Every structure is written in C-alpha cells, then in structure tokens.
Amino acid sequence: MMYPELYQYLLQYKQLTVPGIGTFLVERKPARVDFPNKQIFPPVFSISMQQPGNFPARDFFAWLSKMLGISDRDAIVRFNDFAFDMKKQVDSGDAIDWTGVGMIRKGLAGEIKFVAAGPLINEEPIPAAKVLRENAEHTVRVGEEEKTSVQMAEMLAQPGEKKSYWWALPLVMVLLAVIFIGWYLSEHGMETASSSNRKKLVPAENLTTYKVLP
C-alpha cells in the first residue's frame, strides 16, 4: 500500500484526490491571541475531506512515479488499484485508519465519513506580555525629513536660544506718549489755543531810565 507516500504528497501540496473516496485538504487556521491569559496560540494545520473525489492533479502521477521509482504508466495503474481497494474496503463496512490523516468509514446512509486524526502540528502557546523599551530607536517623520527617535530627543533636549527684548522699553514709552496725548486732547479739545498758554500778557509800567539835566 502507498499510504505513507500519499501522506507525504498531501503535506507537500496541501491537496490529494482519491477517486471514489474524496479530496483531502490541509487547512490552516491562523494564530489567535488569548488576551485574558496573555498567550498567543500558533497556527493550526488540520486535514479535512470533501466529496466527491474525481481525479488527482496533472503532475501527481509524475511525482508518484519518481517517488516509487517506476514509470508514469505503472504509477497510474498502481494508484488506480489502490483507490479501488480502498473504496471496496470502505463499502464492505471496514474502517480505514490512515496514520496522520484520520479515520475513513461508511456512514449509515451509505456516504463516506471522515474523522481527522488531529492537528498536524501541535505547538504550545507562547507568552504575549508587552515589552516596553524606553530607549528603542525608531524612525520619526518630521516634515519632509526622517529622523530617528534618538535625534529627536537630542533636538528637544537642546536649550533654546535667549531672545532679546531691547525693543520692549521704547515700545512702552511710545504707548505711554500716545495715551498721554489722547488724554490731553480729550480734556482740552482739538483747537490750537488748547495747546497754547491762555494767560493774558500785561505790559509792564514804563520806568524812566534817564534824567533831564537842568
């Protein structure tokens, strides 16, 4: 019998069709995360069977002939005999325990039932604890440039340049002058006389600065 060789082909190409029995498939379930228990379960590979099984892939017999060291014609004959004997055994009520694949038997309604042997790869879950790396270096995009996180930290740590405020005092003086002018004009009006001296000028009494000689 060629069960070991066909099992190897199934693992390698993920699909094997046995006429009269069905098509065996290798299915992959993705990895899953168990957040409450902080675990990551690896992907699971298992075998399923679909009916009906028609004919193997075109390159199957070339692979089988090379595997068995026989001609392609002999490989076709031997595989057809294998599939016929397998179907005959199931129809007679016997169960076939295919190592690594699963159990094949006849159902109550005459259909072919398949029970997988289990996961092809059974690995233990791995811890999923979060790792914090304070000084881990990564790339940061700044505008049109890319800088590392270390470069950004150094830039932010540099002391800023001291700014000069020499213009503040003249600005304050100008503002005070504007405020004073505004207050003065509001109190005395906009006439020209308001900005002049309103006190009347009184001419001083003429004093004789000379004497008449006799």
N, C-alpha and C. Protein backbone atom coordinates (compact mmCIF):
# COMPACT_ATOMS: atom_id res chain seq x y z
N MET A 1 0.85 -1.21 0.00
CA MET A 1 0.00 0.00 0.00
C MET A 1 0.88 1.25 0.00
N MET A 2 0.32 2.33 -0.47
CA MET A 2 1.10 3.55 -0.62
C MET A 2 0.61 4.69 0.29
N TYR A 3 0.11 4.35 1.45
CA TYR A 3 -0.38 5.38 2.38
C TYR A 3 0.72 6.37 2.80
N PRO A 4 1.93 5.89 3.14
CA PRO A 4 2.97 6.85 3.55
C PRO A 4 3.33 7.85 2.44
N GLU A 5 3.44 7.36 1.19
CA GLU A 5 3.80 8.25 0.08
C GLU A 5 2.69 9.28 -0.17
N LEU A 6 1.44 8.83 -0.12
CA LEU A 6 0.33 9.76 -0.35
C LEU A 6 0.22 10.78 0.79
N TYR A 7 0.53 10.36 1.99
CA TYR A 7 0.52 11.30 3.13
C TYR A 7 1.59 12.38 2.93
N GLN A 8 2.75 11.99 2.44
CA GLN A 8 3.81 12.96 2.17
C GLN A 8 3.40 13.94 1.07
N TYR A 9 2.73 13.41 0.03
CA TYR A 9 2.25 14.30 -1.05
C TYR A 9 1.22 15.29 -0.51
N LEU A 10 0.34 14.82 0.35
CA LEU A 10 -0.69 15.69 0.92
C LEU A 10 -0.07 16.82 1.74
N LEU A 11 0.94 16.52 2.51
CA LEU A 11 1.59 17.56 3.31
C LEU A 11 2.33 18.56 2.42
N GLN A 12 2.88 18.09 1.34
CA GLN A 12 3.69 18.94 0.47
C GLN A 12 2.82 19.84 -0.41
N TYR A 13 1.74 19.30 -0.96
CA TYR A 13 0.92 20.05 -1.92
C TYR A 13 -0.45 20.47 -1.37
N LYS A 14 -0.75 20.10 -0.14
CA LYS A 14 -1.96 20.54 0.59
C LYS A 14 -3.26 20.01 0.00
N GLN A 15 -3.20 19.12 -0.97
CA GLN A 15 -4.42 18.58 -1.56
C GLN A 15 -4.13 17.24 -2.23
N LEU A 16 -5.03 16.28 -2.00
CA LEU A 16 -4.88 14.95 -2.61
C LEU A 16 -6.27 14.40 -2.92
N THR A 17 -6.49 13.99 -4.15
CA THR A 17 -7.77 13.42 -4.56
C THR A 17 -7.64 11.92 -4.76
N VAL A 18 -8.51 11.18 -4.08
CA VAL A 18 -8.58 9.73 -4.24
C VAL A 18 -9.92 9.41 -4.88
N PRO A 19 -9.94 8.95 -6.11
CA PRO A 19 -11.21 8.66 -6.79
C PRO A 19 -12.08 7.69 -6.00
N GLY A 20 -13.38 8.02 -5.90
CA GLY A 20 -14.32 7.17 -5.19
C GLY A 20 -14.35 7.42 -3.70
N ILE A 21 -13.39 8.16 -3.16
CA ILE A 21 -13.33 8.44 -1.72
C ILE A 21 -13.59 9.92 -1.46
N GLY A 22 -12.75 10.78 -1.97
CA GLY A 22 -12.90 12.22 -1.76
C GLY A 22 -11.59 12.95 -1.95
N THR A 23 -11.63 14.24 -1.70
CA THR A 23 -10.44 15.10 -1.82
C THR A 23 -10.03 15.53 -0.43
N PHE A 24 -8.80 15.18 -0.07
CA PHE A 24 -8.26 15.53 1.25
C PHE A 24 -7.54 16.88 1.14
N LEU A 25 -7.80 17.75 2.08
CA LEU A 25 -7.25 19.11 2.08
C LEU A 25 -6.55 19.40 3.40
N VAL A 26 -5.45 20.13 3.31
CA VAL A 26 -4.78 20.62 4.50
C VAL A 26 -5.23 22.06 4.73
N GLU A 27 -5.93 22.29 5.82
CA GLU A 27 -6.48 23.60 6.14
C GLU A 27 -5.64 24.26 7.23
N ARG A 28 -5.51 25.57 7.11
CA ARG A 28 -4.73 26.34 8.08
C ARG A 28 -5.62 27.35 8.80
N LYS A 29 -5.65 27.25 10.11
CA LYS A 29 -6.34 28.23 10.92
C LYS A 29 -5.30 29.20 11.48
N PRO A 30 -5.52 30.51 11.33
CA PRO A 30 -4.49 31.48 11.73
C PRO A 30 -4.27 31.48 13.24
N ALA A 31 -3.15 32.05 13.61
CA ALA A 31 -2.83 32.19 15.04
C ALA A 31 -3.86 33.09 15.72
N ARG A 32 -4.09 32.86 16.98
CA ARG A 32 -5.05 33.67 17.73
C ARG A 32 -4.42 34.10 19.05
N VAL A 33 -4.92 35.22 19.54
CA VAL A 33 -4.39 35.81 20.78
C VAL A 33 -5.41 35.64 21.88
N ASP A 34 -4.95 35.11 23.00
CA ASP A 34 -5.78 34.97 24.20
C ASP A 34 -5.42 36.11 25.15
N PHE A 35 -6.17 37.23 25.03
CA PHE A 35 -5.83 38.43 25.81
C PHE A 35 -5.96 38.21 27.32
N PRO A 36 -7.03 37.56 27.82
CA PRO A 36 -7.14 37.41 29.28
C PRO A 36 -5.96 36.67 29.89
N ASN A 37 -5.48 35.63 29.20
CA ASN A 37 -4.37 34.82 29.73
C ASN A 37 -3.02 35.23 29.17
N LYS A 38 -3.00 36.28 28.32
CA LYS A 38 -1.76 36.80 27.76
C LYS A 38 -0.95 35.71 27.07
N GLN A 39 -1.61 35.05 26.09
CA GLN A 39 -0.97 33.98 25.34
C GLN A 39 -1.27 34.14 23.85
N ILE A 40 -0.36 33.63 23.03
CA ILE A 40 -0.56 33.58 21.59
C ILE A 40 -0.50 32.12 21.15
N PHE A 41 -1.59 31.64 20.55
CA PHE A 41 -1.64 30.27 20.07
C PHE A 41 -1.18 30.24 18.61
N PRO A 42 -0.29 29.33 18.25
CA PRO A 42 0.25 29.29 16.89
C PRO A 42 -0.81 28.83 15.89
N PRO A 43 -0.54 28.99 14.59
CA PRO A 43 -1.47 28.49 13.58
C PRO A 43 -1.68 26.99 13.71
N VAL A 44 -2.88 26.53 13.35
CA VAL A 44 -3.24 25.12 13.46
C VAL A 44 -3.47 24.57 12.05
N PHE A 45 -2.81 23.47 11.73
CA PHE A 45 -2.99 22.80 10.45
C PHE A 45 -3.74 21.48 10.69
N SER A 46 -4.83 21.31 9.97
CA SER A 46 -5.63 20.09 10.12
C SER A 46 -6.07 19.61 8.74
N ILE A 47 -6.54 18.36 8.68
CA ILE A 47 -6.95 17.74 7.42
C ILE A 47 -8.47 17.58 7.40
N SER A 48 -9.05 17.94 6.28
CA SER A 48 -10.48 17.73 6.06
C SER A 48 -10.67 16.98 4.74
N MET A 49 -11.91 16.51 4.53
CA MET A 49 -12.18 15.78 3.29
C MET A 49 -13.46 16.29 2.66
N GLN A 50 -13.40 16.50 1.35
CA GLN A 50 -14.57 16.92 0.59
C GLN A 50 -14.92 15.85 -0.43
N GLN A 51 -16.19 15.71 -0.69
CA GLN A 51 -16.65 14.75 -1.68
C GLN A 51 -17.31 15.48 -2.84
N PRO A 52 -17.34 14.95 -4.02
CA PRO A 52 -16.70 13.67 -4.38
C PRO A 52 -15.26 13.88 -4.78
N GLY A 53 -14.51 12.79 -4.88
CA GLY A 53 -13.15 12.86 -5.37
C GLY A 53 -13.08 12.41 -6.81
N ASN A 54 -12.63 13.26 -7.70
CA ASN A 54 -12.61 12.92 -9.12
C ASN A 54 -11.25 12.35 -9.53
N PHE A 55 -10.34 13.22 -9.94
CA PHE A 55 -9.03 12.76 -10.40
C PHE A 55 -7.94 13.62 -9.75
N PRO A 56 -6.78 13.06 -9.54
CA PRO A 56 -5.67 13.82 -8.95
C PRO A 56 -5.20 14.92 -9.89
N ALA A 57 -4.34 15.80 -9.36
CA ALA A 57 -3.76 16.86 -10.17
C ALA A 57 -2.90 16.27 -11.29
N ARG A 58 -2.65 17.07 -12.33
CA ARG A 58 -1.96 16.59 -13.53
C ARG A 58 -0.54 16.11 -13.22
N ASP A 59 0.14 16.82 -12.32
CA ASP A 59 1.53 16.46 -12.03
C ASP A 59 1.64 15.41 -10.92
N PHE A 60 0.52 14.89 -10.45
CA PHE A 60 0.56 13.93 -9.34
C PHE A 60 1.27 12.64 -9.75
N PHE A 61 0.93 12.10 -10.92
CA PHE A 61 1.50 10.81 -11.32
C PHE A 61 2.99 10.93 -11.63
N ALA A 62 3.44 12.09 -12.11
CA ALA A 62 4.87 12.27 -12.32
C ALA A 62 5.59 12.26 -10.98
N TRP A 63 4.98 12.90 -9.98
CA TRP A 63 5.57 12.89 -8.63
C TRP A 63 5.58 11.48 -8.05
N LEU A 64 4.46 10.74 -8.22
CA LEU A 64 4.35 9.40 -7.65
C LEU A 64 5.32 8.43 -8.31
N SER A 65 5.48 8.54 -9.64
CA SER A 65 6.41 7.65 -10.33
C SER A 65 7.84 7.88 -9.87
N LYS A 66 8.20 9.16 -9.64
CA LYS A 66 9.54 9.48 -9.15
C LYS A 66 9.71 8.99 -7.72
N MET A 67 8.65 9.09 -6.92
CA MET A 67 8.72 8.69 -5.52
C MET A 67 8.88 7.16 -5.39
N LEU A 68 8.16 6.42 -6.26
CA LEU A 68 8.20 4.96 -6.18
C LEU A 68 9.29 4.36 -7.06
N GLY A 69 9.89 5.18 -7.92
CA GLY A 69 10.94 4.67 -8.81
C GLY A 69 10.40 3.82 -9.92
N ILE A 70 9.20 4.16 -10.43
CA ILE A 70 8.59 3.40 -11.51
C ILE A 70 8.19 4.37 -12.62
N SER A 71 7.68 3.84 -13.72
CA SER A 71 7.27 4.67 -14.84
C SER A 71 5.94 5.36 -14.53
N ASP A 72 5.63 6.38 -15.31
CA ASP A 72 4.36 7.09 -15.12
C ASP A 72 3.18 6.15 -15.34
N ARG A 73 3.28 5.25 -16.34
CA ARG A 73 2.19 4.31 -16.61
C ARG A 73 1.97 3.39 -15.43
N ASP A 74 3.06 2.87 -14.88
CA ASP A 74 2.92 1.97 -13.73
C ASP A 74 2.38 2.72 -12.51
N ALA A 75 2.76 3.99 -12.39
CA ALA A 75 2.25 4.78 -11.27
C ALA A 75 0.74 4.96 -11.38
N ILE A 76 0.24 5.19 -12.60
CA ILE A 76 -1.21 5.35 -12.80
C ILE A 76 -1.94 4.05 -12.45
N VAL A 77 -1.39 2.92 -12.89
CA VAL A 77 -2.04 1.63 -12.63
C VAL A 77 -2.05 1.33 -11.14
N ARG A 78 -0.94 1.54 -10.47
CA ARG A 78 -0.86 1.22 -9.05
C ARG A 78 -1.76 2.13 -8.22
N PHE A 79 -1.85 3.40 -8.60
CA PHE A 79 -2.71 4.30 -7.83
C PHE A 79 -4.19 3.97 -8.04
N ASN A 80 -4.58 3.61 -9.26
CA ASN A 80 -5.97 3.24 -9.51
C ASN A 80 -6.34 1.97 -8.74
N ASP A 81 -5.42 1.02 -8.68
CA ASP A 81 -5.67 -0.21 -7.90
C ASP A 81 -5.80 0.13 -6.41
N PHE A 82 -4.95 1.05 -5.94
CA PHE A 82 -5.02 1.46 -4.53
C PHE A 82 -6.37 2.11 -4.22
N ALA A 83 -6.83 3.02 -5.08
CA ALA A 83 -8.10 3.69 -4.85
C ALA A 83 -9.26 2.70 -4.91
N PHE A 84 -9.20 1.73 -5.83
CA PHE A 84 -10.27 0.73 -5.94
C PHE A 84 -10.34 -0.13 -4.68
N ASP A 85 -9.19 -0.60 -4.20
CA ASP A 85 -9.16 -1.42 -2.98
C ASP A 85 -9.64 -0.63 -1.77
N MET A 86 -9.29 0.64 -1.71
CA MET A 86 -9.71 1.50 -0.60
C MET A 86 -11.23 1.67 -0.59
N LYS A 87 -11.83 1.92 -1.75
CA LYS A 87 -13.28 2.07 -1.85
C LYS A 87 -13.98 0.75 -1.53
N LYS A 88 -13.44 -0.36 -1.99
CA LYS A 88 -14.03 -1.67 -1.72
C LYS A 88 -14.01 -1.97 -0.23
N GLN A 89 -12.92 -1.62 0.43
CA GLN A 89 -12.81 -1.87 1.86
C GLN A 89 -13.82 -1.06 2.66
N VAL A 90 -14.02 0.20 2.27
CA VAL A 90 -14.99 1.06 2.96
C VAL A 90 -16.42 0.57 2.71
N ASP A 91 -16.72 0.20 1.46
CA ASP A 91 -18.07 -0.26 1.14
C ASP A 91 -18.42 -1.55 1.88
N SER A 92 -17.43 -2.34 2.21
CA SER A 92 -17.68 -3.60 2.92
C SER A 92 -17.93 -3.36 4.41
N GLY A 93 -17.77 -2.11 4.87
CA GLY A 93 -18.03 -1.80 6.28
C GLY A 93 -16.79 -1.70 7.13
N ASP A 94 -15.65 -1.92 6.55
CA ASP A 94 -14.41 -1.81 7.32
C ASP A 94 -13.98 -0.34 7.42
N ALA A 95 -13.40 0.02 8.55
CA ALA A 95 -12.88 1.37 8.75
C ALA A 95 -11.39 1.39 8.41
N ILE A 96 -10.96 2.45 7.78
CA ILE A 96 -9.55 2.63 7.42
C ILE A 96 -8.96 3.69 8.33
N ASP A 97 -7.95 3.30 9.08
CA ASP A 97 -7.25 4.24 9.96
C ASP A 97 -5.96 4.66 9.27
N TRP A 98 -6.02 5.81 8.60
CA TRP A 98 -4.87 6.31 7.85
C TRP A 98 -4.00 7.12 8.81
N THR A 99 -2.83 6.61 9.10
CA THR A 99 -1.95 7.23 10.08
C THR A 99 -1.61 8.67 9.68
N GLY A 100 -1.86 9.60 10.60
CA GLY A 100 -1.56 11.01 10.35
C GLY A 100 -2.67 11.75 9.65
N VAL A 101 -3.61 11.04 9.02
CA VAL A 101 -4.70 11.67 8.27
C VAL A 101 -6.01 11.57 9.04
N GLY A 102 -6.50 10.36 9.28
CA GLY A 102 -7.72 10.20 10.05
C GLY A 102 -8.42 8.89 9.74
N MET A 103 -9.64 8.79 10.26
CA MET A 103 -10.43 7.59 10.12
C MET A 103 -11.43 7.75 8.98
N ILE A 104 -11.49 6.73 8.11
CA ILE A 104 -12.41 6.74 6.96
C ILE A 104 -13.31 5.52 7.09
N ARG A 105 -14.64 5.75 7.07
CA ARG A 105 -15.58 4.64 7.18
C ARG A 105 -16.89 4.99 6.48
N LYS A 106 -17.75 3.99 6.37
CA LYS A 106 -19.03 4.17 5.71
C LYS A 106 -20.09 4.61 6.71
N GLY A 107 -20.87 5.66 6.34
CA GLY A 107 -21.92 6.15 7.20
C GLY A 107 -23.18 5.32 7.11
N LEU A 108 -24.18 5.67 7.94
CA LEU A 108 -25.44 4.92 7.97
C LEU A 108 -26.21 5.05 6.66
N ALA A 109 -26.07 6.19 6.00
CA ALA A 109 -26.79 6.40 4.74
C ALA A 109 -25.98 5.98 3.53
N GLY A 110 -24.85 5.31 3.77
CA GLY A 110 -24.03 4.84 2.66
C GLY A 110 -22.96 5.83 2.24
N GLU A 111 -22.94 7.03 2.84
CA GLU A 111 -21.92 8.01 2.49
C GLU A 111 -20.61 7.68 3.21
N ILE A 112 -19.55 8.29 2.73
CA ILE A 112 -18.24 8.07 3.33
C ILE A 112 -18.00 9.15 4.39
N LYS A 113 -17.71 8.71 5.61
CA LYS A 113 -17.47 9.63 6.73
C LYS A 113 -15.96 9.72 6.99
N PHE A 114 -15.54 10.90 7.39
CA PHE A 114 -14.12 11.11 7.67
C PHE A 114 -13.97 11.84 9.00
N VAL A 115 -13.09 11.36 9.85
CA VAL A 115 -12.77 12.00 11.12
C VAL A 115 -11.26 12.24 11.15
N ALA A 116 -10.88 13.51 11.20
CA ALA A 116 -9.46 13.86 11.16
C ALA A 116 -8.72 13.32 12.37
N ALA A 117 -7.46 13.01 12.18
CA ALA A 117 -6.64 12.46 13.26
C ALA A 117 -6.30 13.51 14.30
N GLY A 118 -6.36 14.78 13.93
CA GLY A 118 -6.00 15.86 14.85
C GLY A 118 -5.07 16.83 14.17
N PRO A 119 -4.66 17.86 14.88
CA PRO A 119 -3.76 18.85 14.28
C PRO A 119 -2.46 18.22 13.80
N LEU A 120 -2.00 18.67 12.65
CA LEU A 120 -0.74 18.16 12.12
C LEU A 120 0.45 18.64 12.93
N ILE A 121 0.35 19.87 13.42
CA ILE A 121 1.41 20.45 14.25
C ILE A 121 0.77 20.91 15.55
N ASN A 122 1.24 20.39 16.63
CA ASN A 122 0.67 20.72 17.94
C ASN A 122 1.73 21.43 18.77
N GLU A 123 1.71 22.75 18.73
CA GLU A 123 2.69 23.55 19.47
C GLU A 123 2.03 24.23 20.66
N GLU A 124 2.83 24.46 21.67
CA GLU A 124 2.34 25.13 22.87
C GLU A 124 2.22 26.63 22.64
N PRO A 125 1.26 27.28 23.31
CA PRO A 125 1.15 28.75 23.18
C PRO A 125 2.37 29.44 23.78
N ILE A 126 2.63 30.63 23.33
CA ILE A 126 3.76 31.41 23.83
C ILE A 126 3.24 32.62 24.59
N PRO A 127 4.01 33.13 25.56
CA PRO A 127 3.56 34.31 26.32
C PRO A 127 3.41 35.52 25.41
N ALA A 128 2.46 36.37 25.78
CA ALA A 128 2.20 37.59 24.98
C ALA A 128 2.30 38.82 25.85
N ALA A 129 3.30 38.85 26.75
CA ALA A 129 3.48 40.02 27.60
C ALA A 129 4.06 41.16 26.79
N LYS A 130 3.57 42.37 27.05
CA LYS A 130 4.02 43.54 26.32
C LYS A 130 5.38 43.98 26.85
N VAL A 131 6.32 44.20 25.95
CA VAL A 131 7.68 44.61 26.31
C VAL A 131 7.83 46.08 25.99
N LEU A 132 8.23 46.85 26.99
CA LEU A 132 8.43 48.29 26.82
C LEU A 132 9.93 48.57 26.74
N ARG A 133 10.34 49.20 25.68
CA ARG A 133 11.75 49.57 25.51
C ARG A 133 11.83 51.09 25.48
N GLU A 134 12.32 51.64 26.57
CA GLU A 134 12.33 53.10 26.68
C GLU A 134 13.28 53.74 25.68
N ASN A 135 14.42 53.10 25.44
CA ASN A 135 15.44 53.71 24.58
C ASN A 135 15.49 53.06 23.19
N ALA A 136 14.41 52.38 22.81
CA ALA A 136 14.38 51.76 21.48
C ALA A 136 14.36 52.84 20.40
N GLU A 137 15.19 52.65 19.40
CA GLU A 137 15.30 53.65 18.33
C GLU A 137 14.35 53.31 17.20
N HIS A 138 13.60 54.29 16.73
CA HIS A 138 12.70 54.12 15.61
C HIS A 138 12.69 55.40 14.79
N THR A 139 12.13 55.32 13.59
CA THR A 139 12.15 56.44 12.65
C THR A 139 10.92 57.31 12.86
N VAL A 140 11.13 58.63 12.87
CA VAL A 140 10.06 59.60 13.01
C VAL A 140 10.11 60.54 11.82
N ARG A 141 8.97 60.77 11.20
CA ARG A 141 8.92 61.68 10.04
C ARG A 141 8.63 63.09 10.54
N VAL A 142 9.52 64.02 10.21
CA VAL A 142 9.39 65.43 10.60
C VAL A 142 9.35 66.25 9.32
N GLY A 143 8.16 66.69 8.95
CA GLY A 143 8.03 67.43 7.70
C GLY A 143 8.36 66.54 6.52
N GLU A 144 9.34 66.93 5.72
CA GLU A 144 9.77 66.13 4.58
C GLU A 144 10.99 65.27 4.90
N GLU A 145 11.46 65.31 6.13
CA GLU A 145 12.65 64.57 6.52
C GLU A 145 12.28 63.45 7.48
N GLU A 146 13.17 62.47 7.56
CA GLU A 146 13.02 61.39 8.51
C GLU A 146 14.17 61.44 9.50
N LYS A 147 13.83 61.41 10.78
CA LYS A 147 14.83 61.43 11.84
C LYS A 147 14.54 60.29 12.79
N THR A 148 15.60 59.81 13.45
CA THR A 148 15.41 58.76 14.44
C THR A 148 14.92 59.37 15.73
N SER A 149 14.35 58.51 16.58
CA SER A 149 13.85 58.98 17.86
C SER A 149 14.98 59.53 18.73
N VAL A 150 16.20 58.99 18.56
CA VAL A 150 17.34 59.49 19.32
C VAL A 150 17.67 60.92 18.89
N GLN A 151 17.67 61.17 17.57
CA GLN A 151 17.95 62.52 17.07
C GLN A 151 16.89 63.52 17.55
N MET A 152 15.63 63.11 17.56
CA MET A 152 14.56 63.99 18.03
C MET A 152 14.73 64.31 19.50
N ALA A 153 15.11 63.30 20.29
CA ALA A 153 15.30 63.54 21.73
C ALA A 153 16.44 64.52 21.96
N GLU A 154 17.53 64.40 21.17
CA GLU A 154 18.65 65.33 21.32
C GLU A 154 18.24 66.74 20.92
N MET A 155 17.43 66.86 19.87
CA MET A 155 16.98 68.19 19.44
C MET A 155 16.10 68.85 20.48
N LEU A 156 15.22 68.06 21.08
CA LEU A 156 14.32 68.62 22.09
C LEU A 156 15.05 68.94 23.38
N ALA A 157 16.16 68.24 23.63
CA ALA A 157 16.89 68.48 24.87
C ALA A 157 17.79 69.70 24.79
N GLN A 158 18.06 70.22 23.59
CA GLN A 158 18.93 71.38 23.45
C GLN A 158 18.25 72.62 24.02
N PRO A 159 19.00 73.46 24.80
CA PRO A 159 18.39 74.68 25.36
C PRO A 159 18.04 75.67 24.26
N GLY A 160 16.95 76.32 24.41
CA GLY A 160 16.51 77.29 23.42
C GLY A 160 17.35 78.56 23.45
N GLU A 161 17.44 79.26 22.35
CA GLU A 161 18.21 80.49 22.27
C GLU A 161 17.52 81.60 23.05
N LYS A 162 18.34 82.39 23.77
CA LYS A 162 17.80 83.51 24.54
C LYS A 162 17.37 84.63 23.60
N LYS A 163 16.18 85.07 23.75
CA LYS A 163 15.64 86.11 22.89
C LYS A 163 15.88 87.49 23.50
N SER A 164 16.20 88.45 22.67
CA SER A 164 16.45 89.81 23.13
C SER A 164 15.16 90.63 23.07
N TYR A 165 14.90 91.39 24.14
CA TYR A 165 13.70 92.23 24.23
C TYR A 165 14.09 93.71 24.35
N TRP A 166 15.13 94.16 23.58
CA TRP A 166 15.58 95.56 23.67
C TRP A 166 14.51 96.52 23.19
N TRP A 167 13.60 96.02 22.36
CA TRP A 167 12.59 96.90 21.78
C TRP A 167 11.41 97.12 22.72
N ALA A 168 11.38 96.39 23.84
CA ALA A 168 10.21 96.47 24.72
C ALA A 168 10.11 97.85 25.38
N LEU A 169 11.24 98.40 25.90
CA LEU A 169 11.21 99.67 26.62
C LEU A 169 10.81 100.82 25.70
N PRO A 170 11.41 100.97 24.50
CA PRO A 170 10.94 102.04 23.60
C PRO A 170 9.46 101.89 23.24
N LEU A 171 9.01 100.69 23.08
CA LEU A 171 7.61 100.48 22.73
C LEU A 171 6.70 100.94 23.85
N VAL A 172 7.08 100.63 25.09
CA VAL A 172 6.27 101.06 26.23
C VAL A 172 6.22 102.57 26.31
N MET A 173 7.37 103.23 26.08
CA MET A 173 7.43 104.69 26.13
C MET A 173 6.54 105.32 25.05
N VAL A 174 6.57 104.72 23.84
CA VAL A 174 5.72 105.24 22.77
C VAL A 174 4.25 105.09 23.11
N LEU A 175 3.89 103.96 23.70
CA LEU A 175 2.50 103.74 24.08
C LEU A 175 2.05 104.72 25.14
N LEU A 176 2.91 104.96 26.11
CA LEU A 176 2.57 105.92 27.16
C LEU A 176 2.38 107.31 26.58
N ALA A 177 3.27 107.68 25.61
CA ALA A 177 3.15 109.01 24.99
C ALA A 177 1.84 109.13 24.22
N VAL A 178 1.47 108.10 23.52
CA VAL A 178 0.22 108.13 22.76
C VAL A 178 -0.97 108.24 23.70
N ILE A 179 -0.92 107.50 24.82
CA ILE A 179 -2.02 107.58 25.80
C ILE A 179 -2.11 108.98 26.39
N PHE A 180 -0.96 109.60 26.70
CA PHE A 180 -0.97 110.93 27.30
C PHE A 180 -1.53 111.96 26.31
N ILE A 181 -1.09 111.86 25.04
CA ILE A 181 -1.60 112.80 24.03
C ILE A 181 -3.10 112.66 23.86
N GLY A 182 -3.58 111.41 23.85
CA GLY A 182 -5.01 111.18 23.71
C GLY A 182 -5.79 111.75 24.88
N TRP A 183 -5.25 111.58 26.09
CA TRP A 183 -5.94 112.13 27.28
C TRP A 183 -5.95 113.65 27.25
N TYR A 184 -4.82 114.23 26.86
CA TYR A 184 -4.73 115.70 26.85
C TYR A 184 -5.71 116.29 25.85
N LEU A 185 -5.78 115.73 24.66
CA LEU A 185 -6.69 116.25 23.65
C LEU A 185 -8.13 116.07 24.05
N SER A 186 -8.45 114.96 24.77
CA SER A 186 -9.84 114.77 25.21
C SER A 186 -10.22 115.77 26.29
N GLU A 187 -9.27 116.25 27.06
CA GLU A 187 -9.55 117.20 28.14
C GLU A 187 -9.57 118.63 27.63
N HIS A 188 -8.74 119.01 26.70
CA HIS A 188 -8.59 120.41 26.28
C HIS A 188 -9.06 120.67 24.86
N GLY A 189 -9.52 119.68 24.16
CA GLY A 189 -10.05 119.89 22.83
C GLY A 189 -8.97 119.88 21.78
N MET A 190 -9.45 120.00 20.53
CA MET A 190 -8.54 119.91 19.40
C MET A 190 -8.13 121.28 18.85
N GLU A 191 -8.62 122.45 19.48
CA GLU A 191 -8.28 123.78 18.96
C GLU A 191 -6.82 124.09 19.21
N THR A 192 -6.35 125.06 18.39
CA THR A 192 -4.94 125.41 18.50
C THR A 192 -4.65 126.07 19.82
N ALA A 193 -5.66 126.83 20.32
CA ALA A 193 -5.45 127.57 21.58
C ALA A 193 -5.33 126.65 22.75
N SER A 194 -5.85 125.41 22.57
CA SER A 194 -5.82 124.49 23.71
C SER A 194 -4.42 124.05 24.03
N SER A 195 -3.56 124.14 23.05
CA SER A 195 -2.19 123.73 23.29
C SER A 195 -1.27 124.89 23.56
N SER A 196 -1.85 126.16 23.64
CA SER A 196 -1.02 127.35 23.92
C SER A 196 -1.26 127.84 25.32
N ASN A 197 -0.49 128.84 25.75
CA ASN A 197 -0.60 129.44 27.09
C ASN A 197 -1.74 130.44 27.08
N ARG A 198 -2.82 130.22 27.91
CA ARG A 198 -4.01 131.07 27.94
C ARG A 198 -3.85 132.32 28.84
N LYS A 199 -2.79 132.52 29.54
CA LYS A 199 -2.59 133.65 30.45
C LYS A 199 -2.36 134.93 29.66
N LYS A 200 -3.14 136.02 29.99
CA LYS A 200 -3.00 137.30 29.30
C LYS A 200 -1.72 137.99 29.69
N LEU A 201 -1.14 138.60 28.71
CA LEU A 201 0.10 139.32 28.97
C LEU A 201 -0.21 140.75 29.35
N VAL A 202 0.27 141.27 30.49
CA VAL A 202 0.06 142.65 30.96
C VAL A 202 1.37 143.41 30.77
N PRO A 203 1.29 144.55 29.98
CA PRO A 203 2.54 145.30 29.77
C PRO A 203 3.06 145.91 31.07
N ALA A 204 4.27 145.83 31.24
CA ALA A 204 4.89 146.39 32.47
C ALA A 204 4.88 147.92 32.42
N GLU A 205 4.84 148.54 33.60
CA GLU A 205 4.81 150.03 33.71
C GLU A 205 6.14 150.60 33.24
N ASN A 206 6.00 151.72 32.41
CA ASN A 206 7.21 152.34 31.89
C ASN A 206 8.04 152.93 33.00
N LEU A 207 9.22 152.63 33.05
CA LEU A 207 10.14 153.17 34.05
C LEU A 207 11.12 154.11 33.34
N THR A 208 11.36 155.27 33.96
CA THR A 208 12.32 156.21 33.38
C THR A 208 13.70 155.74 33.67
N THR A 209 14.36 155.58 32.64
CA THR A 209 15.71 155.04 32.80
C THR A 209 16.75 156.12 32.59
N TYR A 210 16.28 157.42 32.49
CA TYR A 210 17.24 158.52 32.29
C TYR A 210 16.77 159.76 33.04
N LYS A 211 17.63 160.73 33.25
CA LYS A 211 17.34 162.03 33.92
C LYS A 211 17.62 163.17 32.97
N VAL A 212 16.76 164.30 33.15
CA VAL A 212 16.97 165.52 32.33
C VAL A 212 17.84 166.46 33.10
N LEU A 213 18.90 166.86 32.57
CA LEU A 213 19.82 167.80 33.27
C LEU A 213 19.25 169.22 33.18
N PRO A 214 19.39 170.03 34.28
CA PRO A 214 18.93 171.44 34.25
C PRO A 214 19.81 172.27 33.35
